Amino acid sequence: MWTFFPKILYEQFKFFLNLYFLVVALTQFIPQLRIGYLYTYWAPLCFVIAVTTLREFYDDLKRYWRDREINSQRYHKLTPKGRVVTTASQIRVSDILIIEKNQRVPADLILLRTTEKSGTCFVRTDQLDGETDWKLRVATCQGLTSNEELFDINGSVFAEPPQKDIHSFVGKLTTQNSDSETKEDPLGLLLSFQRKS
């Protein structure tokens, strides 16, 4: 709330016409520059700013309610002690989530295992890029015999910082086996097809 009004006023007055009318309205306080009545300058400017502020406030309120609804959705998290129910707002980096069929993905995730023997699954990215078609993804750790073996993996993930180009991604999964041999797998669809063949 404390930042709403300064931000909305900054966004409105960074437009040349709004700033121009503000300067003209301010000049009407100087008696030598006054042309007509003050309300003929201030009433239209205040009306435009008030309508815009109310619209932005309503949009922010809707976004807040939508975020609260999404953040309160429940997911299953896999821990060494078994499944634990958690909300989307409590998900942290390195959590292993169990995503069911037709369930929305609550965060940026790496596909580790699927119930399909081939390690493939289809996902929709309509919330990300607006495309409603299904995209094939291949799991990176499909060779494990059980979900509990995921906790035995000694590894790390490198992912590039967020960027505007959502169709390219640079990342890698680095794992180390018991013989201290390091293996690097790029995170991406192209490599998954190469590994599969």
N, C-alpha and C. Protein backbone atom coordinates (compact mmCIF):
# COMPACT_ATOMS: atom_id res chain seq x y z
N MET A 1 0.82 -1.20 0.00
CA MET A 1 0.00 0.00 0.00
C MET A 1 0.86 1.26 0.00
N TRP A 2 2.02 1.19 0.71
CA TRP A 2 2.86 2.39 0.82
C TRP A 2 3.46 2.78 -0.51
N THR A 3 3.68 1.82 -1.38
CA THR A 3 4.32 2.12 -2.66
C THR A 3 3.31 2.32 -3.78
N PHE A 4 2.04 2.01 -3.54
CA PHE A 4 1.06 2.06 -4.61
C PHE A 4 0.92 3.47 -5.19
N PHE A 5 0.66 4.46 -4.32
CA PHE A 5 0.41 5.83 -4.80
C PHE A 5 1.65 6.47 -5.43
N PRO A 6 2.83 6.35 -4.84
CA PRO A 6 4.00 6.91 -5.54
C PRO A 6 4.24 6.25 -6.91
N LYS A 7 4.05 4.95 -6.98
CA LYS A 7 4.26 4.26 -8.25
C LYS A 7 3.22 4.67 -9.29
N ILE A 8 1.96 4.75 -8.88
CA ILE A 8 0.91 5.09 -9.84
C ILE A 8 1.08 6.53 -10.32
N LEU A 9 1.48 7.43 -9.43
CA LEU A 9 1.69 8.81 -9.85
C LEU A 9 2.90 8.91 -10.78
N TYR A 10 3.94 8.16 -10.49
CA TYR A 10 5.11 8.15 -11.38
C TYR A 10 4.72 7.62 -12.76
N GLU A 11 3.97 6.52 -12.79
CA GLU A 11 3.56 5.93 -14.07
C GLU A 11 2.68 6.88 -14.87
N GLN A 12 1.83 7.67 -14.18
CA GLN A 12 0.94 8.59 -14.89
C GLN A 12 1.67 9.82 -15.41
N PHE A 13 2.58 10.34 -14.61
CA PHE A 13 3.22 11.60 -15.00
C PHE A 13 4.50 11.38 -15.82
N LYS A 14 4.83 10.14 -16.12
CA LYS A 14 5.95 9.95 -17.05
C LYS A 14 5.47 10.09 -18.50
N PHE A 15 4.14 10.12 -18.70
CA PHE A 15 3.58 10.41 -20.03
C PHE A 15 3.60 11.92 -20.24
N PHE A 16 4.02 12.32 -21.41
CA PHE A 16 4.22 13.74 -21.69
C PHE A 16 2.95 14.56 -21.50
N LEU A 17 1.81 14.06 -22.01
CA LEU A 17 0.57 14.86 -21.93
C LEU A 17 0.12 15.05 -20.49
N ASN A 18 0.20 14.02 -19.67
CA ASN A 18 -0.19 14.19 -18.26
C ASN A 18 0.74 15.17 -17.55
N LEU A 19 2.03 15.06 -17.82
CA LEU A 19 2.98 15.98 -17.21
C LEU A 19 2.75 17.40 -17.71
N TYR A 20 2.46 17.55 -18.99
CA TYR A 20 2.19 18.87 -19.56
C TYR A 20 0.98 19.52 -18.86
N PHE A 21 -0.12 18.76 -18.71
CA PHE A 21 -1.31 19.33 -18.07
C PHE A 21 -1.07 19.62 -16.59
N LEU A 22 -0.22 18.83 -15.95
CA LEU A 22 0.13 19.12 -14.55
C LEU A 22 0.89 20.44 -14.45
N VAL A 23 1.86 20.65 -15.33
CA VAL A 23 2.64 21.89 -15.32
C VAL A 23 1.73 23.09 -15.62
N VAL A 24 0.84 22.95 -16.61
CA VAL A 24 -0.08 24.04 -16.94
C VAL A 24 -0.99 24.34 -15.75
N ALA A 25 -1.49 23.30 -15.08
CA ALA A 25 -2.37 23.50 -13.92
C ALA A 25 -1.61 24.17 -12.78
N LEU A 26 -0.34 23.80 -12.59
CA LEU A 26 0.46 24.43 -11.53
C LEU A 26 0.73 25.90 -11.83
N THR A 27 0.88 26.24 -13.10
CA THR A 27 1.13 27.65 -13.45
C THR A 27 -0.08 28.53 -13.14
N GLN A 28 -1.25 27.94 -13.01
CA GLN A 28 -2.45 28.74 -12.75
C GLN A 28 -2.50 29.26 -11.32
N PHE A 29 -1.57 28.79 -10.47
CA PHE A 29 -1.47 29.34 -9.11
C PHE A 29 -0.72 30.67 -9.11
N ILE A 30 -0.02 30.98 -10.18
CA ILE A 30 0.70 32.25 -10.29
C ILE A 30 -0.26 33.27 -10.92
N PRO A 31 -0.60 34.32 -10.20
CA PRO A 31 -1.61 35.27 -10.69
C PRO A 31 -1.29 35.88 -12.06
N GLN A 32 -0.02 36.13 -12.36
CA GLN A 32 0.34 36.73 -13.64
C GLN A 32 0.11 35.77 -14.81
N LEU A 33 0.11 34.45 -14.56
CA LEU A 33 -0.04 33.46 -15.63
C LEU A 33 -1.45 32.87 -15.70
N ARG A 34 -2.30 33.24 -14.76
CA ARG A 34 -3.63 32.64 -14.68
C ARG A 34 -4.48 33.04 -15.88
N ILE A 35 -5.11 32.00 -16.47
CA ILE A 35 -6.06 32.21 -17.57
C ILE A 35 -7.33 31.46 -17.19
N GLY A 36 -8.32 32.10 -16.74
CA GLY A 36 -9.56 31.44 -16.37
C GLY A 36 -9.54 30.92 -14.95
N TYR A 37 -10.47 30.00 -14.66
CA TYR A 37 -10.65 29.47 -13.32
C TYR A 37 -9.76 28.25 -13.10
N LEU A 38 -9.34 28.04 -11.84
CA LEU A 38 -8.48 26.90 -11.50
C LEU A 38 -9.14 25.56 -11.82
N TYR A 39 -10.44 25.45 -11.54
CA TYR A 39 -11.09 24.15 -11.71
C TYR A 39 -11.13 23.70 -13.18
N THR A 40 -11.01 24.64 -14.12
CA THR A 40 -11.01 24.24 -15.53
C THR A 40 -9.74 23.49 -15.90
N TYR A 41 -8.69 23.64 -15.10
CA TYR A 41 -7.44 22.91 -15.34
C TYR A 41 -7.31 21.69 -14.44
N TRP A 42 -7.69 21.88 -13.16
CA TRP A 42 -7.47 20.82 -12.18
C TRP A 42 -8.54 19.73 -12.25
N ALA A 43 -9.77 20.07 -12.56
CA ALA A 43 -10.84 19.06 -12.56
C ALA A 43 -10.59 17.96 -13.60
N PRO A 44 -10.28 18.28 -14.87
CA PRO A 44 -10.02 17.19 -15.82
C PRO A 44 -8.80 16.35 -15.46
N LEU A 45 -7.73 17.02 -14.99
CA LEU A 45 -6.51 16.29 -14.62
C LEU A 45 -6.78 15.35 -13.44
N CYS A 46 -7.46 15.85 -12.43
CA CYS A 46 -7.77 15.02 -11.26
C CYS A 46 -8.72 13.88 -11.63
N PHE A 47 -9.66 14.13 -12.53
CA PHE A 47 -10.59 13.08 -12.96
C PHE A 47 -9.83 11.95 -13.66
N VAL A 48 -8.93 12.30 -14.58
CA VAL A 48 -8.17 11.29 -15.32
C VAL A 48 -7.29 10.49 -14.36
N ILE A 49 -6.60 11.17 -13.45
CA ILE A 49 -5.71 10.49 -12.49
C ILE A 49 -6.54 9.61 -11.55
N ALA A 50 -7.71 10.08 -11.10
CA ALA A 50 -8.55 9.30 -10.18
C ALA A 50 -9.07 8.04 -10.86
N VAL A 51 -9.56 8.18 -12.10
CA VAL A 51 -10.07 7.00 -12.81
C VAL A 51 -8.96 5.99 -13.03
N THR A 52 -7.79 6.43 -13.44
CA THR A 52 -6.66 5.54 -13.67
C THR A 52 -6.22 4.87 -12.38
N THR A 53 -6.18 5.62 -11.29
CA THR A 53 -5.79 5.07 -9.99
C THR A 53 -6.78 4.01 -9.53
N LEU A 54 -8.07 4.28 -9.67
CA LEU A 54 -9.08 3.28 -9.28
C LEU A 54 -8.98 2.02 -10.12
N ARG A 55 -8.74 2.18 -11.43
CA ARG A 55 -8.59 1.00 -12.28
C ARG A 55 -7.37 0.18 -11.88
N GLU A 56 -6.25 0.84 -11.64
CA GLU A 56 -5.03 0.15 -11.23
C GLU A 56 -5.21 -0.52 -9.86
N PHE A 57 -5.91 0.14 -8.95
CA PHE A 57 -6.17 -0.44 -7.63
C PHE A 57 -7.01 -1.70 -7.76
N TYR A 58 -8.03 -1.65 -8.60
CA TYR A 58 -8.89 -2.82 -8.82
C TYR A 58 -8.08 -3.97 -9.44
N ASP A 59 -7.24 -3.66 -10.42
CA ASP A 59 -6.40 -4.70 -11.04
C ASP A 59 -5.43 -5.30 -10.03
N ASP A 60 -4.84 -4.46 -9.18
CA ASP A 60 -3.93 -4.98 -8.16
C ASP A 60 -4.66 -5.84 -7.14
N LEU A 61 -5.88 -5.45 -6.80
CA LEU A 61 -6.67 -6.23 -5.85
C LEU A 61 -7.03 -7.60 -6.43
N LYS A 62 -7.42 -7.62 -7.70
CA LYS A 62 -7.72 -8.90 -8.36
C LYS A 62 -6.48 -9.78 -8.42
N ARG A 63 -5.33 -9.18 -8.74
CA ARG A 63 -4.07 -9.93 -8.79
C ARG A 63 -3.72 -10.49 -7.42
N TYR A 64 -3.95 -9.71 -6.36
CA TYR A 64 -3.68 -10.16 -4.99
C TYR A 64 -4.55 -11.36 -4.64
N TRP A 65 -5.85 -11.29 -4.97
CA TRP A 65 -6.74 -12.42 -4.68
C TRP A 65 -6.34 -13.66 -5.48
N ARG A 66 -5.97 -13.47 -6.74
CA ARG A 66 -5.55 -14.60 -7.58
C ARG A 66 -4.27 -15.22 -7.03
N ASP A 67 -3.31 -14.38 -6.61
CA ASP A 67 -2.07 -14.88 -6.04
C ASP A 67 -2.33 -15.65 -4.74
N ARG A 68 -3.23 -15.13 -3.93
CA ARG A 68 -3.55 -15.84 -2.67
C ARG A 68 -4.16 -17.20 -2.95
N GLU A 69 -5.03 -17.26 -3.93
CA GLU A 69 -5.66 -18.53 -4.29
C GLU A 69 -4.63 -19.53 -4.81
N ILE A 70 -3.74 -19.06 -5.67
CA ILE A 70 -2.72 -19.95 -6.24
C ILE A 70 -1.73 -20.38 -5.16
N ASN A 71 -1.32 -19.45 -4.30
CA ASN A 71 -0.34 -19.78 -3.25
C ASN A 71 -0.89 -20.71 -2.18
N SER A 72 -2.20 -20.81 -2.07
CA SER A 72 -2.78 -21.70 -1.05
C SER A 72 -3.08 -23.09 -1.60
N GLN A 73 -2.85 -23.33 -2.89
CA GLN A 73 -3.08 -24.66 -3.45
C GLN A 73 -2.12 -25.66 -2.81
N ARG A 74 -2.59 -26.88 -2.64
CA ARG A 74 -1.80 -27.90 -1.94
C ARG A 74 -1.11 -28.83 -2.94
N TYR A 75 0.12 -29.21 -2.57
CA TYR A 75 0.93 -30.13 -3.38
C TYR A 75 1.57 -31.16 -2.45
N HIS A 76 1.98 -32.27 -3.06
CA HIS A 76 2.69 -33.30 -2.30
C HIS A 76 4.18 -33.12 -2.51
N LYS A 77 4.90 -33.09 -1.38
CA LYS A 77 6.36 -32.96 -1.43
C LYS A 77 6.95 -34.28 -0.93
N LEU A 78 7.96 -34.77 -1.66
CA LEU A 78 8.62 -36.01 -1.27
C LEU A 78 9.78 -35.68 -0.34
N THR A 79 9.80 -36.31 0.83
CA THR A 79 10.88 -36.13 1.80
C THR A 79 11.44 -37.50 2.15
N PRO A 80 12.58 -37.58 2.81
CA PRO A 80 13.10 -38.88 3.22
C PRO A 80 12.14 -39.67 4.12
N LYS A 81 11.22 -38.97 4.78
CA LYS A 81 10.24 -39.64 5.65
C LYS A 81 8.96 -40.02 4.90
N GLY A 82 8.85 -39.63 3.64
CA GLY A 82 7.65 -39.93 2.86
C GLY A 82 7.02 -38.67 2.29
N ARG A 83 5.74 -38.79 1.90
CA ARG A 83 5.01 -37.65 1.34
C ARG A 83 4.54 -36.70 2.42
N VAL A 84 4.65 -35.42 2.11
CA VAL A 84 4.19 -34.37 3.01
C VAL A 84 3.35 -33.40 2.18
N VAL A 85 2.22 -32.97 2.72
CA VAL A 85 1.38 -31.99 2.02
C VAL A 85 1.91 -30.59 2.34
N THR A 86 2.06 -29.78 1.30
CA THR A 86 2.55 -28.41 1.47
C THR A 86 1.76 -27.48 0.55
N THR A 87 1.77 -26.21 0.85
CA THR A 87 1.12 -25.23 -0.02
C THR A 87 2.14 -24.69 -1.00
N ALA A 88 1.66 -24.09 -2.07
CA ALA A 88 2.55 -23.55 -3.10
C ALA A 88 3.45 -22.47 -2.54
N SER A 89 2.98 -21.70 -1.58
CA SER A 89 3.79 -20.62 -1.01
C SER A 89 4.93 -21.14 -0.14
N GLN A 90 4.86 -22.41 0.29
CA GLN A 90 5.91 -22.98 1.13
C GLN A 90 6.95 -23.76 0.34
N ILE A 91 6.82 -23.80 -0.99
CA ILE A 91 7.77 -24.54 -1.81
C ILE A 91 9.09 -23.78 -1.85
N ARG A 92 10.18 -24.50 -1.63
CA ARG A 92 11.51 -23.90 -1.63
C ARG A 92 12.40 -24.60 -2.66
N VAL A 93 13.51 -23.95 -2.99
CA VAL A 93 14.49 -24.54 -3.90
C VAL A 93 14.96 -25.87 -3.32
N SER A 94 15.07 -26.88 -4.15
CA SER A 94 15.52 -28.24 -3.84
C SER A 94 14.40 -29.14 -3.33
N ASP A 95 13.18 -28.63 -3.20
CA ASP A 95 12.07 -29.50 -2.84
C ASP A 95 11.76 -30.44 -4.00
N ILE A 96 11.43 -31.67 -3.68
CA ILE A 96 11.03 -32.65 -4.69
C ILE A 96 9.52 -32.77 -4.62
N LEU A 97 8.84 -32.33 -5.68
CA LEU A 97 7.38 -32.32 -5.69
C LEU A 97 6.85 -33.48 -6.52
N ILE A 98 5.69 -33.96 -6.13
CA ILE A 98 4.99 -34.98 -6.90
C ILE A 98 3.83 -34.28 -7.58
N ILE A 99 3.91 -34.19 -8.90
CA ILE A 99 2.88 -33.51 -9.68
C ILE A 99 2.00 -34.59 -10.32
N GLU A 100 0.71 -34.50 -10.08
CA GLU A 100 -0.25 -35.48 -10.60
C GLU A 100 -0.74 -35.04 -11.99
N LYS A 101 -1.43 -35.93 -12.64
CA LYS A 101 -1.99 -35.66 -13.96
C LYS A 101 -2.97 -34.48 -13.87
N ASN A 102 -2.89 -33.58 -14.83
CA ASN A 102 -3.75 -32.40 -14.96
C ASN A 102 -3.59 -31.41 -13.80
N GLN A 103 -2.49 -31.47 -13.07
CA GLN A 103 -2.24 -30.54 -11.98
C GLN A 103 -1.31 -29.44 -12.48
N ARG A 104 -1.57 -28.19 -12.11
CA ARG A 104 -0.72 -27.08 -12.53
C ARG A 104 0.62 -27.16 -11.80
N VAL A 105 1.67 -26.79 -12.52
CA VAL A 105 3.00 -26.78 -11.94
C VAL A 105 3.17 -25.46 -11.20
N PRO A 106 3.52 -25.50 -9.90
CA PRO A 106 3.52 -24.27 -9.10
C PRO A 106 4.78 -23.43 -9.19
N ALA A 107 5.85 -23.94 -9.82
CA ALA A 107 7.12 -23.22 -9.86
C ALA A 107 7.95 -23.75 -11.02
N ASP A 108 9.13 -23.17 -11.21
CA ASP A 108 10.06 -23.70 -12.21
C ASP A 108 10.59 -25.03 -11.67
N LEU A 109 10.39 -26.09 -12.43
CA LEU A 109 10.76 -27.43 -11.97
C LEU A 109 11.61 -28.14 -13.01
N ILE A 110 12.36 -29.11 -12.55
CA ILE A 110 13.09 -30.03 -13.42
C ILE A 110 12.38 -31.37 -13.33
N LEU A 111 12.09 -31.97 -14.46
CA LEU A 111 11.42 -33.27 -14.50
C LEU A 111 12.45 -34.34 -14.19
N LEU A 112 12.32 -34.98 -13.02
CA LEU A 112 13.27 -36.01 -12.60
C LEU A 112 12.82 -37.41 -13.00
N ARG A 113 11.58 -37.77 -12.67
CA ARG A 113 11.07 -39.10 -12.97
C ARG A 113 9.59 -39.01 -13.34
N THR A 114 9.14 -39.99 -14.11
CA THR A 114 7.71 -40.10 -14.43
C THR A 114 7.28 -41.54 -14.20
N THR A 115 5.98 -41.75 -14.24
CA THR A 115 5.48 -43.12 -14.10
C THR A 115 5.59 -43.88 -15.41
N GLU A 116 5.85 -43.17 -16.50
CA GLU A 116 6.05 -43.83 -17.79
C GLU A 116 7.44 -44.46 -17.83
N LYS A 117 7.54 -45.68 -18.33
CA LYS A 117 8.85 -46.36 -18.39
C LYS A 117 9.82 -45.63 -19.30
N SER A 118 9.32 -44.99 -20.35
CA SER A 118 10.19 -44.28 -21.28
C SER A 118 10.73 -42.98 -20.68
N GLY A 119 10.14 -42.50 -19.58
CA GLY A 119 10.59 -41.26 -18.96
C GLY A 119 10.05 -40.01 -19.60
N THR A 120 9.02 -40.16 -20.42
CA THR A 120 8.47 -39.00 -21.11
C THR A 120 7.14 -38.58 -20.49
N CYS A 121 6.83 -37.34 -20.68
CA CYS A 121 5.50 -36.84 -20.32
C CYS A 121 5.20 -35.63 -21.18
N PHE A 122 3.95 -35.28 -21.24
CA PHE A 122 3.52 -34.12 -22.03
C PHE A 122 3.03 -33.04 -21.07
N VAL A 123 3.47 -31.81 -21.32
CA VAL A 123 3.06 -30.68 -20.49
C VAL A 123 2.51 -29.58 -21.37
N ARG A 124 1.62 -28.79 -20.78
CA ARG A 124 1.10 -27.60 -21.46
C ARG A 124 1.72 -26.37 -20.82
N THR A 125 2.11 -25.42 -21.65
CA THR A 125 2.76 -24.21 -21.15
C THR A 125 1.91 -22.97 -21.40
N ASP A 126 0.59 -23.14 -21.37
CA ASP A 126 -0.29 -22.02 -21.69
C ASP A 126 -0.16 -20.87 -20.70
N GLN A 127 0.20 -21.13 -19.44
CA GLN A 127 0.37 -20.05 -18.48
C GLN A 127 1.67 -19.29 -18.71
N LEU A 128 2.60 -19.90 -19.42
CA LEU A 128 3.89 -19.28 -19.67
C LEU A 128 3.93 -18.52 -20.99
N ASP A 129 3.53 -19.20 -22.07
CA ASP A 129 3.66 -18.59 -23.39
C ASP A 129 2.34 -18.51 -24.15
N GLY A 130 1.24 -18.96 -23.55
CA GLY A 130 -0.06 -18.87 -24.20
C GLY A 130 -0.37 -19.99 -25.17
N GLU A 131 0.59 -20.88 -25.41
CA GLU A 131 0.37 -21.99 -26.33
C GLU A 131 -0.33 -23.14 -25.59
N THR A 132 -1.40 -23.64 -26.18
CA THR A 132 -2.19 -24.68 -25.51
C THR A 132 -1.86 -26.09 -25.99
N ASP A 133 -0.92 -26.21 -26.92
CA ASP A 133 -0.57 -27.55 -27.40
C ASP A 133 0.35 -28.24 -26.37
N TRP A 134 0.40 -29.57 -26.44
CA TRP A 134 1.18 -30.36 -25.50
C TRP A 134 2.62 -30.45 -25.97
N LYS A 135 3.56 -30.31 -25.04
CA LYS A 135 4.99 -30.39 -25.37
C LYS A 135 5.60 -31.60 -24.67
N LEU A 136 6.42 -32.33 -25.41
CA LEU A 136 7.07 -33.53 -24.88
C LEU A 136 8.27 -33.14 -24.03
N ARG A 137 8.36 -33.72 -22.84
CA ARG A 137 9.51 -33.53 -21.97
C ARG A 137 10.01 -34.89 -21.52
N VAL A 138 11.33 -35.01 -21.31
CA VAL A 138 11.95 -36.27 -20.93
C VAL A 138 12.61 -36.10 -19.57
N ALA A 139 12.42 -37.07 -18.68
CA ALA A 139 12.96 -37.01 -17.32
C ALA A 139 14.47 -37.19 -17.33
N THR A 140 15.15 -36.51 -16.39
CA THR A 140 16.61 -36.58 -16.32
C THR A 140 17.10 -37.75 -15.48
N CYS A 141 16.31 -38.24 -14.53
CA CYS A 141 16.74 -39.32 -13.63
C CYS A 141 15.84 -40.53 -13.75
N GLN A 142 15.39 -40.84 -14.94
CA GLN A 142 14.44 -41.94 -15.12
C GLN A 142 15.06 -43.30 -14.81
N GLY A 143 16.37 -43.42 -14.85
CA GLY A 143 17.03 -44.70 -14.62
C GLY A 143 16.97 -45.19 -13.19
N LEU A 144 16.56 -44.37 -12.26
CA LEU A 144 16.47 -44.79 -10.86
C LEU A 144 15.32 -45.77 -10.69
N THR A 145 15.47 -46.68 -9.73
CA THR A 145 14.43 -47.71 -9.54
C THR A 145 13.30 -47.24 -8.64
N SER A 146 13.55 -46.24 -7.78
CA SER A 146 12.49 -45.75 -6.90
C SER A 146 12.69 -44.27 -6.63
N ASN A 147 11.63 -43.64 -6.14
CA ASN A 147 11.71 -42.21 -5.81
C ASN A 147 12.67 -41.94 -4.66
N GLU A 148 12.81 -42.89 -3.75
CA GLU A 148 13.67 -42.70 -2.59
C GLU A 148 15.14 -42.55 -3.00
N GLU A 149 15.52 -43.11 -4.14
CA GLU A 149 16.90 -42.99 -4.61
C GLU A 149 17.25 -41.56 -5.01
N LEU A 150 16.25 -40.72 -5.20
CA LEU A 150 16.51 -39.31 -5.53
C LEU A 150 17.29 -38.62 -4.41
N PHE A 151 17.10 -39.07 -3.18
CA PHE A 151 17.79 -38.44 -2.05
C PHE A 151 19.25 -38.87 -1.96
N ASP A 152 19.63 -39.91 -2.70
CA ASP A 152 21.02 -40.37 -2.70
C ASP A 152 21.87 -39.67 -3.75
N ILE A 153 21.24 -38.87 -4.61
CA ILE A 153 21.97 -38.18 -5.67
C ILE A 153 22.78 -37.04 -5.06
N ASN A 154 24.06 -37.01 -5.39
CA ASN A 154 24.92 -35.91 -4.99
C ASN A 154 25.11 -35.04 -6.22
N GLY A 155 24.41 -33.94 -6.27
CA GLY A 155 24.47 -33.14 -7.49
C GLY A 155 24.06 -31.70 -7.26
N SER A 156 24.15 -30.94 -8.34
CA SER A 156 23.75 -29.54 -8.29
C SER A 156 23.17 -29.16 -9.65
N VAL A 157 22.41 -28.09 -9.64
CA VAL A 157 21.77 -27.59 -10.85
C VAL A 157 22.26 -26.18 -11.11
N PHE A 158 22.66 -25.94 -12.35
CA PHE A 158 22.95 -24.57 -12.79
C PHE A 158 21.83 -24.14 -13.72
N ALA A 159 21.27 -22.98 -13.48
CA ALA A 159 20.23 -22.43 -14.35
C ALA A 159 20.53 -20.95 -14.56
N GLU A 160 20.39 -20.52 -15.81
CA GLU A 160 20.65 -19.11 -16.11
C GLU A 160 19.61 -18.24 -15.42
N PRO A 161 19.93 -16.96 -15.20
CA PRO A 161 18.96 -16.06 -14.58
C PRO A 161 17.74 -15.88 -15.49
N PRO A 162 16.61 -15.46 -14.93
CA PRO A 162 15.41 -15.24 -15.75
C PRO A 162 15.69 -14.24 -16.87
N GLN A 163 15.07 -14.49 -18.02
CA GLN A 163 15.23 -13.61 -19.17
C GLN A 163 13.92 -13.53 -19.92
N LYS A 164 13.83 -12.58 -20.84
CA LYS A 164 12.58 -12.37 -21.58
C LYS A 164 12.35 -13.44 -22.64
N ASP A 165 13.41 -14.02 -23.19
CA ASP A 165 13.26 -15.04 -24.23
C ASP A 165 12.90 -16.37 -23.57
N ILE A 166 11.62 -16.74 -23.59
CA ILE A 166 11.17 -17.95 -22.91
C ILE A 166 11.39 -19.20 -23.74
N HIS A 167 11.85 -19.05 -24.97
CA HIS A 167 12.03 -20.21 -25.84
C HIS A 167 13.45 -20.74 -25.83
N SER A 168 14.33 -20.14 -25.05
CA SER A 168 15.68 -20.68 -24.91
C SER A 168 16.02 -20.73 -23.43
N PHE A 169 16.78 -21.75 -23.07
CA PHE A 169 17.14 -21.94 -21.67
C PHE A 169 18.50 -22.62 -21.60
N VAL A 170 19.36 -22.11 -20.75
CA VAL A 170 20.68 -22.71 -20.54
C VAL A 170 20.73 -23.21 -19.11
N GLY A 171 20.95 -24.51 -18.96
CA GLY A 171 21.04 -25.10 -17.64
C GLY A 171 21.69 -26.46 -17.72
N LYS A 172 22.20 -26.92 -16.57
CA LYS A 172 22.80 -28.25 -16.55
C LYS A 172 22.65 -28.86 -15.17
N LEU A 173 22.57 -30.18 -15.17
CA LEU A 173 22.50 -30.97 -13.94
C LEU A 173 23.83 -31.68 -13.80
N THR A 174 24.56 -31.39 -12.74
CA THR A 174 25.85 -32.01 -12.49
C THR A 174 25.70 -32.99 -11.35
N THR A 175 26.03 -34.26 -11.61
CA THR A 175 25.92 -35.30 -10.57
C THR A 175 27.28 -35.96 -10.38
N GLN A 176 27.44 -36.51 -9.17
CA GLN A 176 28.68 -37.19 -8.84
C GLN A 176 28.33 -38.55 -8.27
N ASN A 177 28.91 -39.61 -8.83
CA ASN A 177 28.60 -40.95 -8.34
C ASN A 177 29.54 -41.33 -7.19
N SER A 178 29.42 -42.56 -6.71
CA SER A 178 30.21 -43.00 -5.55
C SER A 178 31.70 -43.06 -5.85
N ASP A 179 32.09 -43.17 -7.13
CA ASP A 179 33.50 -43.20 -7.51
C ASP A 179 34.05 -41.80 -7.76
N SER A 180 33.33 -40.78 -7.37
CA SER A 180 33.69 -39.36 -7.55
C SER A 180 33.80 -38.98 -9.02
N GLU A 181 33.12 -39.69 -9.90
CA GLU A 181 33.07 -39.31 -11.31
C GLU A 181 31.95 -38.31 -11.50
N THR A 182 32.27 -37.22 -12.18
CA THR A 182 31.29 -36.16 -12.41
C THR A 182 30.64 -36.35 -13.77
N LYS A 183 29.32 -36.18 -13.80
CA LYS A 183 28.57 -36.29 -15.04
C LYS A 183 27.70 -35.04 -15.17
N GLU A 184 27.74 -34.43 -16.36
CA GLU A 184 26.94 -33.22 -16.60
C GLU A 184 25.91 -33.51 -17.67
N ASP A 185 24.67 -33.21 -17.37
CA ASP A 185 23.57 -33.36 -18.32
C ASP A 185 22.93 -32.00 -18.55
N PRO A 186 22.92 -31.52 -19.79
CA PRO A 186 22.22 -30.26 -20.05
C PRO A 186 20.73 -30.42 -19.79
N LEU A 187 20.13 -29.38 -19.31
CA LEU A 187 18.69 -29.39 -19.08
C LEU A 187 18.02 -28.79 -20.30
N GLY A 188 17.32 -29.61 -21.04
CA GLY A 188 16.64 -29.13 -22.23
C GLY A 188 16.09 -30.30 -23.01
N LEU A 189 15.17 -30.00 -23.91
CA LEU A 189 14.50 -31.03 -24.67
C LEU A 189 15.42 -31.71 -25.67
N LEU A 190 16.33 -30.92 -26.28
CA LEU A 190 17.18 -31.47 -27.34
C LEU A 190 18.06 -32.59 -26.82
N LEU A 191 18.72 -32.37 -25.67
CA LEU A 191 19.59 -33.39 -25.13
C LEU A 191 18.81 -34.63 -24.72
N SER A 192 17.62 -34.42 -24.19
CA SER A 192 16.82 -35.55 -23.74
C SER A 192 16.55 -36.51 -24.89
N PHE A 193 16.29 -35.96 -26.08
CA PHE A 193 16.09 -36.84 -27.23
C PHE A 193 17.38 -37.56 -27.59
N GLN A 194 18.52 -36.87 -27.47
CA GLN A 194 19.78 -37.50 -27.81
C GLN A 194 20.11 -38.61 -26.82
N ARG A 195 19.84 -38.38 -25.54
CA ARG A 195 20.13 -39.40 -24.53
C ARG A 195 19.24 -40.62 -24.73
N LYS A 196 18.03 -40.38 -25.16
CA LYS A 196 17.08 -41.47 -25.29
C LYS A 196 17.47 -42.42 -26.43
N SER A 197 18.05 -41.89 -27.51
CA SER A 197 18.33 -42.72 -28.67
C SER A 197 19.62 -43.51 -28.51
